[in-house]
Amino acid sequence: MTNITLSIEDSVYKRMRNHTEIKWSEYVRRIIKKKLDELERLEKHPDAESIMTMLASEHVLKKDWNNEADERWNNV
């Protein structure tokens, strides 16, 4: 098995330590495998390129859209 190093914010690590019942390494392994399985299923689809482009665009849009001015509208 290969090891990887993952950097997380100190505040996240402190929160993780409050949940010692969770095996975080196992959780991350499963999430990575799930995402890879999902991506491989999409790659087999005839419209895979357009689906991947759409998913990538959605991620970029969410990142660009997420700002304080927009968040104020969530409470209106």
N, C-alpha and C. Protein backbone atom coordinates (compact mmCIF):
# COMPACT_ATOMS: atom_id res chain seq x y z
N MET A 1 0.85 -1.17 0.00
CA MET A 1 0.00 0.00 0.00
C MET A 1 0.89 1.23 0.00
N THR A 2 0.51 2.22 -0.78
CA THR A 2 1.26 3.46 -0.88
C THR A 2 0.75 4.46 0.15
N ASN A 3 1.65 5.26 0.69
CA ASN A 3 1.27 6.33 1.63
C ASN A 3 1.25 7.66 0.91
N ILE A 4 0.33 8.52 1.31
CA ILE A 4 0.31 9.89 0.83
C ILE A 4 0.26 10.82 2.03
N THR A 5 0.65 12.06 1.82
CA THR A 5 0.59 13.06 2.87
C THR A 5 -0.50 14.05 2.51
N LEU A 6 -1.31 14.38 3.49
CA LEU A 6 -2.44 15.28 3.28
C LEU A 6 -2.31 16.44 4.25
N SER A 7 -2.39 17.66 3.74
CA SER A 7 -2.35 18.84 4.60
C SER A 7 -3.77 19.33 4.83
N ILE A 8 -4.07 19.63 6.08
CA ILE A 8 -5.37 20.19 6.44
C ILE A 8 -5.14 21.36 7.39
N GLU A 9 -6.13 22.21 7.49
CA GLU A 9 -6.04 23.35 8.39
C GLU A 9 -6.02 22.86 9.83
N ASP A 10 -5.33 23.60 10.68
CA ASP A 10 -5.25 23.24 12.09
C ASP A 10 -6.64 23.16 12.73
N SER A 11 -7.51 24.07 12.36
CA SER A 11 -8.86 24.07 12.94
C SER A 11 -9.63 22.80 12.57
N VAL A 12 -9.41 22.30 11.36
CA VAL A 12 -10.07 21.06 10.94
C VAL A 12 -9.49 19.89 11.73
N TYR A 13 -8.18 19.87 11.89
CA TYR A 13 -7.54 18.79 12.65
C TYR A 13 -8.06 18.75 14.09
N LYS A 14 -8.20 19.90 14.70
CA LYS A 14 -8.72 19.95 16.07
C LYS A 14 -10.13 19.38 16.13
N ARG A 15 -10.94 19.69 15.16
CA ARG A 15 -12.30 19.15 15.11
C ARG A 15 -12.29 17.64 14.90
N MET A 16 -11.39 17.18 14.05
CA MET A 16 -11.26 15.73 13.81
C MET A 16 -10.90 15.00 15.10
N ARG A 17 -10.05 15.60 15.91
CA ARG A 17 -9.61 14.97 17.16
C ARG A 17 -10.77 14.79 18.13
N ASN A 18 -11.84 15.54 17.95
CA ASN A 18 -13.03 15.37 18.79
C ASN A 18 -13.81 14.12 18.43
N HIS A 19 -13.45 13.48 17.31
CA HIS A 19 -14.16 12.29 16.83
C HIS A 19 -13.17 11.15 16.62
N THR A 20 -12.57 10.72 17.70
CA THR A 20 -11.56 9.66 17.62
C THR A 20 -12.15 8.31 17.24
N GLU A 21 -13.47 8.19 17.30
CA GLU A 21 -14.11 6.93 16.91
C GLU A 21 -14.05 6.70 15.39
N ILE A 22 -13.76 7.74 14.65
CA ILE A 22 -13.67 7.63 13.19
C ILE A 22 -12.23 7.39 12.79
N LYS A 23 -12.02 6.39 11.94
CA LYS A 23 -10.69 6.12 11.39
C LYS A 23 -10.57 7.00 10.14
N TRP A 24 -9.97 8.17 10.30
CA TRP A 24 -9.95 9.16 9.23
C TRP A 24 -9.21 8.68 8.00
N SER A 25 -8.16 7.91 8.17
CA SER A 25 -7.43 7.39 7.01
C SER A 25 -8.33 6.48 6.17
N GLU A 26 -9.07 5.62 6.85
CA GLU A 26 -10.00 4.73 6.14
C GLU A 26 -11.08 5.53 5.44
N TYR A 27 -11.59 6.55 6.11
CA TYR A 27 -12.63 7.40 5.52
C TYR A 27 -12.11 8.05 4.23
N VAL A 28 -10.92 8.61 4.27
CA VAL A 28 -10.35 9.27 3.10
C VAL A 28 -10.10 8.25 1.99
N ARG A 29 -9.60 7.06 2.33
CA ARG A 29 -9.40 6.01 1.32
C ARG A 29 -10.71 5.69 0.60
N ARG A 30 -11.78 5.55 1.36
CA ARG A 30 -13.08 5.22 0.76
C ARG A 30 -13.61 6.34 -0.13
N ILE A 31 -13.44 7.57 0.32
CA ILE A 31 -13.91 8.72 -0.48
C ILE A 31 -13.14 8.81 -1.79
N ILE A 32 -11.83 8.60 -1.74
CA ILE A 32 -11.02 8.64 -2.95
C ILE A 32 -11.45 7.53 -3.91
N LYS A 33 -11.63 6.33 -3.38
CA LYS A 33 -12.06 5.21 -4.23
C LYS A 33 -13.42 5.49 -4.84
N LYS A 34 -14.34 6.02 -4.05
CA LYS A 34 -15.68 6.34 -4.55
C LYS A 34 -15.60 7.35 -5.70
N LYS A 35 -14.78 8.38 -5.55
CA LYS A 35 -14.64 9.40 -6.60
C LYS A 35 -14.02 8.79 -7.85
N LEU A 36 -13.01 7.94 -7.68
CA LEU A 36 -12.38 7.29 -8.84
C LEU A 36 -13.37 6.39 -9.57
N ASP A 37 -14.17 5.62 -8.81
CA ASP A 37 -15.19 4.77 -9.44
C ASP A 37 -16.18 5.61 -10.23
N GLU A 38 -16.59 6.72 -9.65
CA GLU A 38 -17.53 7.63 -10.31
C GLU A 38 -16.93 8.19 -11.60
N LEU A 39 -15.69 8.63 -11.53
CA LEU A 39 -15.02 9.19 -12.72
C LEU A 39 -14.85 8.14 -13.81
N GLU A 40 -14.51 6.92 -13.42
CA GLU A 40 -14.34 5.84 -14.40
C GLU A 40 -15.66 5.47 -15.06
N ARG A 41 -16.75 5.51 -14.30
CA ARG A 41 -18.08 5.26 -14.90
C ARG A 41 -18.41 6.35 -15.90
N LEU A 42 -18.10 7.59 -15.56
CA LEU A 42 -18.37 8.70 -16.47
C LEU A 42 -17.54 8.59 -17.75
N GLU A 43 -16.30 8.15 -17.61
CA GLU A 43 -15.41 8.01 -18.77
C GLU A 43 -15.94 6.99 -19.77
N LYS A 44 -16.67 6.00 -19.28
CA LYS A 44 -17.22 4.97 -20.17
C LYS A 44 -18.48 5.44 -20.89
N HIS A 45 -19.06 6.53 -20.45
CA HIS A 45 -20.28 7.06 -21.05
C HIS A 45 -19.93 7.73 -22.37
N PRO A 46 -20.78 7.59 -23.39
CA PRO A 46 -20.49 8.18 -24.71
C PRO A 46 -20.30 9.70 -24.67
N ASP A 47 -20.97 10.36 -23.75
CA ASP A 47 -20.86 11.82 -23.65
C ASP A 47 -19.93 12.22 -22.51
N ALA A 48 -18.96 11.38 -22.21
CA ALA A 48 -18.09 11.59 -21.06
C ALA A 48 -17.40 12.95 -21.09
N GLU A 49 -16.90 13.37 -22.24
CA GLU A 49 -16.17 14.63 -22.30
C GLU A 49 -17.06 15.80 -21.92
N SER A 50 -18.29 15.82 -22.43
CA SER A 50 -19.18 16.93 -22.10
C SER A 50 -19.62 16.88 -20.64
N ILE A 51 -19.79 15.67 -20.10
CA ILE A 51 -20.17 15.53 -18.69
C ILE A 51 -19.03 16.01 -17.81
N MET A 52 -17.80 15.63 -18.13
CA MET A 52 -16.65 16.05 -17.34
C MET A 52 -16.48 17.57 -17.40
N THR A 53 -16.70 18.13 -18.57
CA THR A 53 -16.60 19.58 -18.73
C THR A 53 -17.66 20.26 -17.87
N MET A 54 -18.87 19.72 -17.86
CA MET A 54 -19.94 20.28 -17.07
C MET A 54 -19.61 20.22 -15.58
N LEU A 55 -19.10 19.09 -15.12
CA LEU A 55 -18.74 18.95 -13.71
C LEU A 55 -17.61 19.90 -13.33
N ALA A 56 -16.63 20.04 -14.19
CA ALA A 56 -15.52 20.95 -13.93
C ALA A 56 -16.02 22.39 -13.88
N SER A 57 -16.90 22.74 -14.81
CA SER A 57 -17.46 24.09 -14.84
C SER A 57 -18.25 24.37 -13.58
N GLU A 58 -19.02 23.39 -13.12
CA GLU A 58 -19.82 23.56 -11.91
C GLU A 58 -18.91 23.86 -10.72
N HIS A 59 -17.81 23.13 -10.64
CA HIS A 59 -16.86 23.34 -9.54
C HIS A 59 -16.29 24.76 -9.60
N VAL A 60 -15.88 25.20 -10.77
CA VAL A 60 -15.31 26.53 -10.93
C VAL A 60 -16.34 27.60 -10.59
N LEU A 61 -17.56 27.41 -11.08
CA LEU A 61 -18.61 28.38 -10.80
C LEU A 61 -18.90 28.49 -9.31
N LYS A 62 -18.97 27.34 -8.63
CA LYS A 62 -19.22 27.38 -7.19
C LYS A 62 -18.11 28.13 -6.46
N LYS A 63 -16.87 27.87 -6.86
CA LYS A 63 -15.73 28.51 -6.22
C LYS A 63 -15.78 30.02 -6.44
N ASP A 64 -16.04 30.43 -7.68
CA ASP A 64 -16.08 31.85 -8.01
C ASP A 64 -17.31 32.53 -7.42
N TRP A 65 -18.39 31.79 -7.27
CA TRP A 65 -19.64 32.37 -6.80
C TRP A 65 -19.62 32.57 -5.29
N ASN A 66 -18.87 31.78 -4.59
CA ASN A 66 -18.87 31.79 -3.13
C ASN A 66 -18.11 32.99 -2.59
N ASN A 67 -18.83 34.03 -2.23
CA ASN A 67 -18.20 35.18 -1.61
C ASN A 67 -19.15 35.82 -0.60
N GLU A 68 -18.64 36.71 0.23
CA GLU A 68 -19.43 37.28 1.32
C GLU A 68 -20.66 38.03 0.83
N ALA A 69 -20.54 38.79 -0.24
CA ALA A 69 -21.67 39.56 -0.74
C ALA A 69 -22.83 38.64 -1.12
N ASP A 70 -22.52 37.52 -1.72
CA ASP A 70 -23.56 36.57 -2.11
C ASP A 70 -24.14 35.85 -0.91
N GLU A 71 -23.31 35.56 0.08
CA GLU A 71 -23.76 34.83 1.26
C GLU A 71 -24.82 35.62 2.03
N ARG A 72 -24.77 36.93 1.98
CA ARG A 72 -25.77 37.73 2.69
C ARG A 72 -27.18 37.44 2.20
N TRP A 73 -27.32 37.07 0.93
CA TRP A 73 -28.64 36.80 0.37
C TRP A 73 -29.24 35.51 0.89
N ASN A 74 -28.43 34.62 1.46
CA ASN A 74 -28.95 33.36 2.01
C ASN A 74 -29.87 33.59 3.19
N ASN A 75 -29.75 34.72 3.86
CA ASN A 75 -30.53 34.98 5.06
C ASN A 75 -31.71 35.92 4.81
N VAL A 76 -31.97 36.25 3.56
CA VAL A 76 -33.08 37.17 3.24
C VAL A 76 -34.37 36.41 3.18
